[in-house]
N, C-alpha and C. Protein backbone atom coordinates (compact mmCIF):
# COMPACT_ATOMS: atom_id res chain seq x y z
N UNK A 1 0.85 -1.18 0.00
CA UNK A 1 0.00 0.00 0.00
C UNK A 1 0.89 1.24 0.00
N UNK A 2 0.59 2.17 -0.88
CA UNK A 2 1.37 3.40 -0.96
C UNK A 2 0.52 4.59 -0.55
N UNK A 3 1.19 5.64 -0.16
CA UNK A 3 0.52 6.89 0.19
C UNK A 3 0.13 7.57 -1.12
N UNK A 4 -1.10 8.02 -1.20
CA UNK A 4 -1.55 8.76 -2.37
C UNK A 4 -1.84 10.20 -1.98
N UNK A 5 -1.60 11.09 -2.91
CA UNK A 5 -1.76 12.52 -2.68
C UNK A 5 -2.89 13.07 -3.54
N UNK A 6 -3.57 14.06 -3.02
CA UNK A 6 -4.64 14.73 -3.77
C UNK A 6 -4.02 15.69 -4.77
N UNK A 7 -4.79 16.13 -5.77
CA UNK A 7 -4.26 17.15 -6.68
C UNK A 7 -3.80 18.41 -5.92
N UNK A 8 -4.50 18.79 -4.87
CA UNK A 8 -4.09 19.95 -4.08
C UNK A 8 -2.76 19.74 -3.39
N UNK A 9 -2.55 18.54 -2.85
CA UNK A 9 -1.27 18.23 -2.21
C UNK A 9 -0.15 18.20 -3.24
N UNK A 10 -0.43 17.68 -4.42
CA UNK A 10 0.57 17.65 -5.50
C UNK A 10 0.94 19.08 -5.88
N UNK A 11 -0.06 19.94 -6.04
CA UNK A 11 0.22 21.35 -6.40
C UNK A 11 1.01 22.04 -5.30
N UNK A 12 0.65 21.79 -4.06
CA UNK A 12 1.34 22.42 -2.94
C UNK A 12 2.79 21.96 -2.84
N UNK A 13 3.01 20.66 -2.97
CA UNK A 13 4.37 20.11 -2.84
C UNK A 13 5.28 20.58 -3.97
N UNK A 14 4.71 20.79 -5.15
CA UNK A 14 5.53 21.19 -6.30
C UNK A 14 5.44 22.69 -6.58
N UNK A 15 4.68 23.41 -5.75
CA UNK A 15 4.54 24.87 -5.87
C UNK A 15 4.04 25.31 -7.25
N UNK A 16 3.00 24.65 -7.74
CA UNK A 16 2.38 25.11 -8.99
C UNK A 16 0.98 25.63 -8.68
N UNK A 17 0.54 26.58 -9.45
CA UNK A 17 -0.76 27.19 -9.23
C UNK A 17 -1.87 26.29 -9.78
N UNK A 18 -3.10 26.49 -9.31
CA UNK A 18 -4.21 25.72 -9.87
C UNK A 18 -4.37 25.92 -11.39
N UNK A 19 -4.11 27.13 -11.87
CA UNK A 19 -4.20 27.40 -13.30
C UNK A 19 -3.15 26.60 -14.08
N UNK A 20 -1.94 26.57 -13.56
CA UNK A 20 -0.87 25.80 -14.20
C UNK A 20 -1.23 24.33 -14.22
N UNK A 21 -1.73 23.82 -13.09
CA UNK A 21 -2.13 22.42 -13.01
C UNK A 21 -3.20 22.10 -14.06
N UNK A 22 -4.21 22.96 -14.19
CA UNK A 22 -5.28 22.73 -15.18
C UNK A 22 -4.71 22.72 -16.59
N UNK A 23 -3.80 23.64 -16.88
CA UNK A 23 -3.18 23.69 -18.22
C UNK A 23 -2.35 22.43 -18.47
N UNK A 24 -1.54 22.04 -17.51
CA UNK A 24 -0.70 20.85 -17.67
C UNK A 24 -1.55 19.59 -17.78
N UNK A 25 -2.65 19.56 -17.08
CA UNK A 25 -3.53 18.40 -17.10
C UNK A 25 -4.06 18.14 -18.52
N UNK A 26 -4.27 19.21 -19.28
CA UNK A 26 -4.73 19.07 -20.67
C UNK A 26 -3.63 18.49 -21.55
N UNK A 27 -2.38 18.83 -21.27
CA UNK A 27 -1.26 18.41 -22.13
C UNK A 27 -0.60 17.11 -21.69
N UNK A 28 -0.68 16.78 -20.40
CA UNK A 28 0.05 15.63 -19.86
C UNK A 28 -0.93 14.56 -19.38
N UNK A 29 -1.01 13.47 -20.10
CA UNK A 29 -1.96 12.40 -19.82
C UNK A 29 -1.90 11.89 -18.38
N UNK A 30 -0.72 11.66 -17.78
CA UNK A 30 -0.69 11.13 -16.41
C UNK A 30 -1.38 12.01 -15.37
N UNK A 31 -1.51 13.29 -15.64
CA UNK A 31 -2.19 14.18 -14.69
C UNK A 31 -3.71 14.09 -14.80
N UNK A 32 -4.20 13.46 -15.83
CA UNK A 32 -5.66 13.37 -16.02
C UNK A 32 -6.33 12.38 -15.09
N UNK A 33 -5.55 11.56 -14.41
CA UNK A 33 -6.19 10.61 -13.50
C UNK A 33 -6.68 11.30 -12.23
N UNK A 34 -6.30 12.54 -12.04
CA UNK A 34 -6.74 13.30 -10.87
C UNK A 34 -8.20 13.69 -10.98
N UNK A 35 -9.06 12.96 -10.31
CA UNK A 35 -10.48 13.26 -10.32
C UNK A 35 -10.84 14.06 -9.08
N UNK A 36 -11.38 15.21 -9.26
CA UNK A 36 -11.82 16.11 -8.18
C UNK A 36 -10.74 16.27 -7.12
N UNK A 37 -11.06 15.94 -5.89
CA UNK A 37 -10.12 16.15 -4.79
C UNK A 37 -9.64 14.85 -4.17
N UNK A 38 -9.87 13.73 -4.82
CA UNK A 38 -9.52 12.44 -4.23
C UNK A 38 -8.02 12.15 -4.38
N UNK A 39 -7.44 11.42 -3.41
CA UNK A 39 -6.03 11.04 -3.50
C UNK A 39 -5.81 10.07 -4.66
N UNK A 40 -4.90 10.42 -5.57
CA UNK A 40 -4.66 9.56 -6.73
C UNK A 40 -3.22 9.64 -7.25
N UNK A 41 -2.39 10.48 -6.65
CA UNK A 41 -1.02 10.65 -7.13
C UNK A 41 -0.03 10.04 -6.14
N UNK A 42 0.96 9.32 -6.66
CA UNK A 42 1.98 8.68 -5.84
C UNK A 42 3.14 9.64 -5.58
N UNK A 43 4.07 9.21 -4.72
CA UNK A 43 5.25 10.03 -4.46
C UNK A 43 6.11 10.13 -5.73
N UNK A 44 6.12 9.10 -6.56
CA UNK A 44 6.83 9.16 -7.84
C UNK A 44 6.22 10.20 -8.77
N UNK A 45 4.88 10.33 -8.73
CA UNK A 45 4.20 11.35 -9.52
C UNK A 45 4.64 12.75 -9.09
N UNK A 46 4.84 12.93 -7.79
CA UNK A 46 5.31 14.23 -7.30
C UNK A 46 6.67 14.57 -7.90
N UNK A 47 7.55 13.59 -7.96
CA UNK A 47 8.88 13.81 -8.54
C UNK A 47 8.75 14.15 -10.02
N UNK A 48 7.90 13.42 -10.74
CA UNK A 48 7.71 13.68 -12.17
C UNK A 48 7.20 15.10 -12.41
N UNK A 49 6.24 15.54 -11.61
CA UNK A 49 5.70 16.90 -11.77
C UNK A 49 6.77 17.94 -11.42
N UNK A 50 7.58 17.65 -10.42
CA UNK A 50 8.67 18.57 -10.07
C UNK A 50 9.67 18.68 -11.22
N UNK A 51 9.93 17.57 -11.91
CA UNK A 51 10.83 17.60 -13.08
C UNK A 51 10.18 18.40 -14.21
N UNK A 52 8.89 18.16 -14.44
CA UNK A 52 8.16 18.93 -15.47
C UNK A 52 8.23 20.42 -15.15
N UNK A 53 8.05 20.76 -13.88
CA UNK A 53 8.12 22.16 -13.48
C UNK A 53 9.51 22.74 -13.77
N UNK A 54 10.53 21.99 -13.45
CA UNK A 54 11.89 22.44 -13.70
C UNK A 54 12.11 22.71 -15.20
N UNK A 55 11.63 21.78 -16.03
CA UNK A 55 11.80 21.94 -17.48
C UNK A 55 10.94 23.07 -18.04
N UNK A 56 9.67 23.13 -17.62
CA UNK A 56 8.74 24.09 -18.19
C UNK A 56 8.92 25.50 -17.64
N UNK A 57 9.13 25.60 -16.33
CA UNK A 57 9.21 26.93 -15.72
C UNK A 57 10.66 27.43 -15.68
N UNK A 58 11.55 26.65 -15.09
CA UNK A 58 12.93 27.11 -14.93
C UNK A 58 13.70 27.17 -16.25
N UNK A 59 13.40 26.22 -17.17
CA UNK A 59 14.14 26.18 -18.43
C UNK A 59 13.32 26.71 -19.61
N UNK A 60 12.09 27.15 -19.35
CA UNK A 60 11.22 27.76 -20.35
C UNK A 60 10.96 26.88 -21.57
N UNK A 61 10.76 25.58 -21.32
CA UNK A 61 10.40 24.66 -22.40
C UNK A 61 8.88 24.57 -22.44
N UNK A 62 8.32 24.72 -23.64
CA UNK A 62 6.86 24.66 -23.78
C UNK A 62 6.33 23.32 -23.28
N UNK A 63 5.21 23.34 -22.58
CA UNK A 63 4.62 22.12 -22.05
C UNK A 63 4.25 21.16 -23.18
N UNK A 64 3.88 21.69 -24.33
CA UNK A 64 3.57 20.85 -25.49
C UNK A 64 4.78 20.04 -25.95
N UNK A 65 5.97 20.60 -25.79
CA UNK A 65 7.19 19.87 -26.18
C UNK A 65 7.48 18.74 -25.20
N UNK A 66 6.91 18.82 -24.00
CA UNK A 66 7.14 17.79 -22.98
C UNK A 66 6.09 16.67 -23.01
N UNK A 67 5.01 16.87 -23.79
CA UNK A 67 3.93 15.89 -23.85
C UNK A 67 4.41 14.48 -24.18
N UNK A 68 5.29 14.28 -25.18
CA UNK A 68 5.73 12.91 -25.47
C UNK A 68 6.55 12.27 -24.34
N UNK A 69 7.11 13.09 -23.47
CA UNK A 69 7.92 12.56 -22.37
C UNK A 69 7.11 12.25 -21.12
N UNK A 70 5.88 12.73 -21.04
CA UNK A 70 5.11 12.65 -19.80
C UNK A 70 4.93 11.22 -19.30
N UNK A 71 4.36 10.34 -20.10
CA UNK A 71 4.11 8.98 -19.62
C UNK A 71 5.40 8.24 -19.25
N UNK A 72 6.45 8.28 -20.10
CA UNK A 72 7.70 7.62 -19.68
C UNK A 72 8.30 8.24 -18.41
N UNK A 73 8.17 9.55 -18.25
CA UNK A 73 8.71 10.22 -17.06
C UNK A 73 7.98 9.75 -15.81
N UNK A 74 6.66 9.75 -15.83
CA UNK A 74 5.89 9.31 -14.68
C UNK A 74 6.19 7.84 -14.36
N UNK A 75 6.29 7.02 -15.40
CA UNK A 75 6.60 5.60 -15.19
C UNK A 75 7.98 5.43 -14.57
N UNK A 76 8.96 6.12 -15.09
CA UNK A 76 10.33 6.05 -14.58
C UNK A 76 10.40 6.50 -13.12
N UNK A 77 9.73 7.58 -12.79
CA UNK A 77 9.75 8.10 -11.42
C UNK A 77 9.00 7.19 -10.45
N UNK A 78 8.04 6.43 -10.96
CA UNK A 78 7.30 5.51 -10.10
C UNK A 78 7.97 4.15 -9.95
N UNK A 79 8.94 3.85 -10.80
CA UNK A 79 9.64 2.57 -10.70
C UNK A 79 10.72 2.57 -9.62
N UNK A 80 11.19 3.74 -9.24
CA UNK A 80 12.29 3.83 -8.28
C UNK A 80 11.86 4.57 -7.03
N UNK A 81 12.26 4.08 -5.85
CA UNK A 81 11.95 4.81 -4.61
C UNK A 81 12.78 6.10 -4.52
N UNK A 82 12.32 7.02 -3.67
CA UNK A 82 13.00 8.30 -3.55
C UNK A 82 14.49 8.20 -3.25
N UNK A 83 14.95 7.31 -2.36
CA UNK A 83 16.39 7.25 -2.11
C UNK A 83 17.21 6.91 -3.36
N UNK A 84 16.64 6.10 -4.25
CA UNK A 84 17.33 5.77 -5.50
C UNK A 84 17.30 6.98 -6.43
N UNK A 85 16.16 7.62 -6.55
CA UNK A 85 16.06 8.81 -7.40
C UNK A 85 16.98 9.92 -6.92
N UNK A 86 17.09 10.03 -5.61
CA UNK A 86 17.92 11.08 -5.03
C UNK A 86 19.40 10.92 -5.38
N UNK A 87 19.81 9.72 -5.66
CA UNK A 87 21.21 9.45 -6.02
C UNK A 87 21.37 9.24 -7.52
N UNK A 88 20.47 9.82 -8.29
CA UNK A 88 20.48 9.63 -9.74
C UNK A 88 20.38 10.96 -10.46
N UNK A 89 20.61 10.89 -11.76
CA UNK A 89 20.38 12.05 -12.62
C UNK A 89 19.52 11.57 -13.78
N UNK A 90 18.71 12.46 -14.27
CA UNK A 90 17.82 12.17 -15.37
C UNK A 90 18.40 12.80 -16.62
N UNK A 91 18.56 12.00 -17.66
CA UNK A 91 19.05 12.49 -18.95
C UNK A 91 17.82 12.62 -19.86
N UNK A 92 17.60 13.81 -20.37
CA UNK A 92 16.43 14.10 -21.20
C UNK A 92 16.89 14.44 -22.61
N UNK A 93 16.41 13.67 -23.57
CA UNK A 93 16.66 13.95 -24.98
C UNK A 93 15.32 14.37 -25.58
N UNK A 94 15.10 15.65 -25.71
CA UNK A 94 13.83 16.17 -26.21
C UNK A 94 13.58 15.78 -27.66
N UNK A 95 14.62 15.80 -28.47
CA UNK A 95 14.46 15.50 -29.89
C UNK A 95 13.96 14.08 -30.12
N UNK A 96 14.53 13.13 -29.39
CA UNK A 96 14.12 11.72 -29.54
C UNK A 96 13.01 11.32 -28.57
N UNK A 97 12.60 12.24 -27.70
CA UNK A 97 11.60 11.97 -26.66
C UNK A 97 12.03 10.74 -25.85
N UNK A 98 13.27 10.80 -25.37
CA UNK A 98 13.86 9.67 -24.65
C UNK A 98 14.37 10.13 -23.29
N UNK A 99 14.13 9.30 -22.27
CA UNK A 99 14.61 9.58 -20.92
C UNK A 99 15.50 8.44 -20.46
N UNK A 100 16.47 8.77 -19.64
CA UNK A 100 17.33 7.74 -19.08
C UNK A 100 17.72 8.15 -17.66
N UNK A 101 17.57 7.21 -16.74
CA UNK A 101 17.96 7.43 -15.35
C UNK A 101 19.34 6.83 -15.17
N UNK A 102 20.29 7.64 -14.72
CA UNK A 102 21.67 7.19 -14.55
C UNK A 102 22.13 7.48 -13.13
N UNK A 103 23.09 6.69 -12.61
CA UNK A 103 23.65 7.02 -11.30
C UNK A 103 24.23 8.43 -11.32
N UNK A 104 24.14 9.09 -10.19
CA UNK A 104 24.53 10.48 -10.06
C UNK A 104 25.95 10.77 -10.58
N UNK A 105 26.88 9.89 -10.30
CA UNK A 105 28.27 10.14 -10.67
C UNK A 105 28.70 9.46 -11.96
N UNK A 106 27.78 8.74 -12.61
CA UNK A 106 28.13 8.06 -13.86
C UNK A 106 28.31 9.08 -14.98
N UNK A 107 29.29 8.83 -15.80
CA UNK A 107 29.53 9.71 -16.94
C UNK A 107 28.55 9.36 -18.05
N UNK A 108 28.06 10.37 -18.73
CA UNK A 108 27.14 10.14 -19.84
C UNK A 108 27.64 10.93 -21.04
N UNK A 109 27.85 10.24 -22.14
CA UNK A 109 28.34 10.88 -23.36
C UNK A 109 27.27 10.69 -24.43
N UNK A 110 26.97 11.78 -25.12
CA UNK A 110 25.97 11.72 -26.18
C UNK A 110 26.43 12.56 -27.35
N UNK A 111 26.00 12.16 -28.53
CA UNK A 111 26.34 12.95 -29.71
C UNK A 111 25.19 13.88 -30.11
N UNK A 112 24.14 13.90 -29.27
CA UNK A 112 23.02 14.82 -29.49
C UNK A 112 22.83 15.68 -28.25
N UNK A 113 22.22 16.82 -28.39
CA UNK A 113 21.98 17.68 -27.22
C UNK A 113 21.02 16.99 -26.23
N UNK A 114 21.40 17.02 -24.97
CA UNK A 114 20.56 16.45 -23.92
C UNK A 114 20.55 17.41 -22.73
N UNK A 115 19.58 17.19 -21.86
CA UNK A 115 19.48 17.96 -20.62
C UNK A 115 19.73 16.97 -19.48
N UNK A 116 20.62 17.32 -18.59
CA UNK A 116 20.91 16.48 -17.43
C UNK A 116 20.34 17.15 -16.19
N UNK A 117 19.49 16.40 -15.47
CA UNK A 117 18.85 16.93 -14.27
C UNK A 117 19.27 16.10 -13.07
N UNK A 118 20.12 16.63 -12.20
CA UNK A 118 20.43 15.91 -10.96
C UNK A 118 19.17 15.91 -10.09
N UNK A 119 18.75 14.74 -9.68
CA UNK A 119 17.48 14.62 -8.94
C UNK A 119 17.61 14.84 -7.44
N UNK A 120 18.82 14.94 -6.93
CA UNK A 120 19.02 15.14 -5.49
C UNK A 120 18.25 16.36 -4.98
N UNK A 121 18.41 17.48 -5.64
CA UNK A 121 17.75 18.71 -5.20
C UNK A 121 16.22 18.64 -5.39
N UNK A 122 15.78 18.00 -6.46
CA UNK A 122 14.35 17.85 -6.72
C UNK A 122 13.69 17.08 -5.58
N UNK A 123 14.29 15.95 -5.21
CA UNK A 123 13.73 15.11 -4.15
C UNK A 123 13.82 15.80 -2.80
N UNK A 124 14.93 16.44 -2.51
CA UNK A 124 15.06 17.10 -1.20
C UNK A 124 14.09 18.28 -1.08
N UNK A 125 13.83 18.99 -2.16
CA UNK A 125 12.87 20.09 -2.13
C UNK A 125 11.45 19.55 -1.88
N UNK A 126 11.12 18.45 -2.51
CA UNK A 126 9.81 17.83 -2.26
C UNK A 126 9.69 17.37 -0.81
N UNK A 127 10.73 16.75 -0.32
CA UNK A 127 10.73 16.28 1.07
C UNK A 127 10.51 17.45 2.03
N UNK A 128 11.22 18.55 1.78
CA UNK A 128 11.07 19.74 2.62
C UNK A 128 9.63 20.27 2.57
N UNK A 129 9.06 20.32 1.38
CA UNK A 129 7.69 20.80 1.22
C UNK A 129 6.70 19.90 1.97
N UNK A 130 6.86 18.59 1.84
CA UNK A 130 5.94 17.67 2.50
C UNK A 130 6.08 17.72 4.02
N UNK A 131 7.31 17.82 4.50
CA UNK A 131 7.51 17.88 5.95
C UNK A 131 7.05 19.22 6.50
N UNK A 132 7.23 20.29 5.74
CA UNK A 132 6.75 21.60 6.19
C UNK A 132 5.24 21.62 6.26
N UNK A 133 4.59 20.93 5.33
CA UNK A 133 3.13 20.88 5.32
C UNK A 133 2.58 20.07 6.50
N UNK A 134 3.38 19.15 7.00
CA UNK A 134 2.89 18.31 8.10
C UNK A 134 3.11 18.96 9.46
N UNK A 135 3.95 19.99 9.55
CA UNK A 135 4.23 20.69 10.81
C UNK A 135 4.68 19.74 11.92
N UNK A 136 5.45 18.74 11.57
CA UNK A 136 5.96 17.80 12.57
C UNK A 136 7.48 17.92 12.55
N UNK A 137 8.03 18.58 13.58
CA UNK A 137 9.46 18.82 13.61
C UNK A 137 10.26 17.53 13.81
N UNK A 138 9.73 16.57 14.55
CA UNK A 138 10.45 15.34 14.81
C UNK A 138 10.68 14.52 13.55
N UNK A 139 9.92 14.77 12.50
CA UNK A 139 10.03 13.99 11.27
C UNK A 139 11.13 14.50 10.36
N UNK A 140 11.74 15.60 10.71
CA UNK A 140 12.75 16.19 9.83
C UNK A 140 13.93 15.25 9.59
N UNK A 141 14.21 14.33 10.47
CA UNK A 141 15.34 13.45 10.29
C UNK A 141 15.03 12.29 9.33
N UNK A 142 13.77 12.07 8.99
CA UNK A 142 13.41 11.00 8.07
C UNK A 142 13.81 11.39 6.65
N UNK A 143 14.39 10.45 5.92
CA UNK A 143 14.85 10.75 4.57
C UNK A 143 14.02 10.04 3.51
N UNK A 144 12.84 9.57 3.84
CA UNK A 144 12.01 8.85 2.90
C UNK A 144 10.66 9.53 2.78
N UNK A 145 9.94 9.29 1.68
CA UNK A 145 8.60 9.87 1.58
C UNK A 145 7.67 9.19 2.57
N UNK A 146 6.57 9.82 2.93
CA UNK A 146 5.63 9.20 3.86
C UNK A 146 5.14 7.86 3.33
N UNK A 147 5.06 6.87 4.20
CA UNK A 147 4.63 5.54 3.84
C UNK A 147 3.64 5.05 4.88
N UNK A 148 2.52 4.45 4.48
CA UNK A 148 1.55 3.97 5.46
C UNK A 148 2.11 2.77 6.22
N UNK A 149 1.74 2.67 7.46
CA UNK A 149 2.17 1.55 8.29
C UNK A 149 0.95 0.72 8.60
N UNK A 150 0.99 -0.57 8.25
CA UNK A 150 -0.14 -1.46 8.52
C UNK A 150 -0.15 -1.87 9.97
N UNK A 151 -1.28 -2.35 10.41
CA UNK A 151 -1.39 -2.84 11.78
C UNK A 151 -1.33 -4.34 11.77
N UNK A 152 -0.69 -4.91 12.74
CA UNK A 152 -0.55 -6.36 12.83
C UNK A 152 -1.49 -6.87 13.91
N UNK A 153 -2.09 -8.00 13.65
CA UNK A 153 -2.95 -8.66 14.63
C UNK A 153 -2.18 -9.80 15.24
N UNK A 154 -2.17 -9.89 16.55
CA UNK A 154 -1.41 -10.93 17.25
C UNK A 154 -1.93 -12.30 16.88
N UNK A 155 -1.07 -13.30 16.94
CA UNK A 155 -1.46 -14.66 16.62
C UNK A 155 -2.57 -15.10 17.57
N UNK A 156 -3.56 -15.80 17.07
CA UNK A 156 -4.67 -16.24 17.88
C UNK A 156 -5.84 -15.28 17.83
N UNK A 157 -5.70 -14.16 17.13
CA UNK A 157 -6.81 -13.23 16.93
C UNK A 157 -7.05 -12.29 18.10
N UNK A 158 -6.28 -12.37 19.17
CA UNK A 158 -6.47 -11.47 20.30
C UNK A 158 -5.71 -10.18 20.13
N UNK A 159 -5.80 -9.35 21.12
CA UNK A 159 -5.05 -8.09 21.10
C UNK A 159 -3.60 -8.35 21.44
N UNK A 160 -2.69 -7.56 20.87
CA UNK A 160 -1.25 -7.74 21.18
C UNK A 160 -0.94 -7.37 22.59
């Protein structure tokens, strides 16, 4: 069982406005699963949206140019836990609409223009946003995204 986030929590964690979210939702298929206010986004989805924000806002790449990368990006970010993503870099080839996740210190050589995004800062910024939203100071030492904890029933069906 994974923790799911509402569209509002996704917008808050990634610092995007409701208008931006609505615009991106039209262009990026993975964001369309957000129905009303129900929890439907994973922690990997938060990372993917943060990467989209970095490309679209910080690097001024049109959201339409990122449309072919959306599904592979969301899939890639959901395949790896945050500690793995945090120690990786994302190689983006816009021309070929290709993504590659590489270890942070691995050398990458290409004969075409690519964008390299170190994910350490992306993940740490999300972690800070989520922990700030929870107002729990004792949780600051945790280095993982929130995860639900199941309850165990003692053997024999009684209380532990």
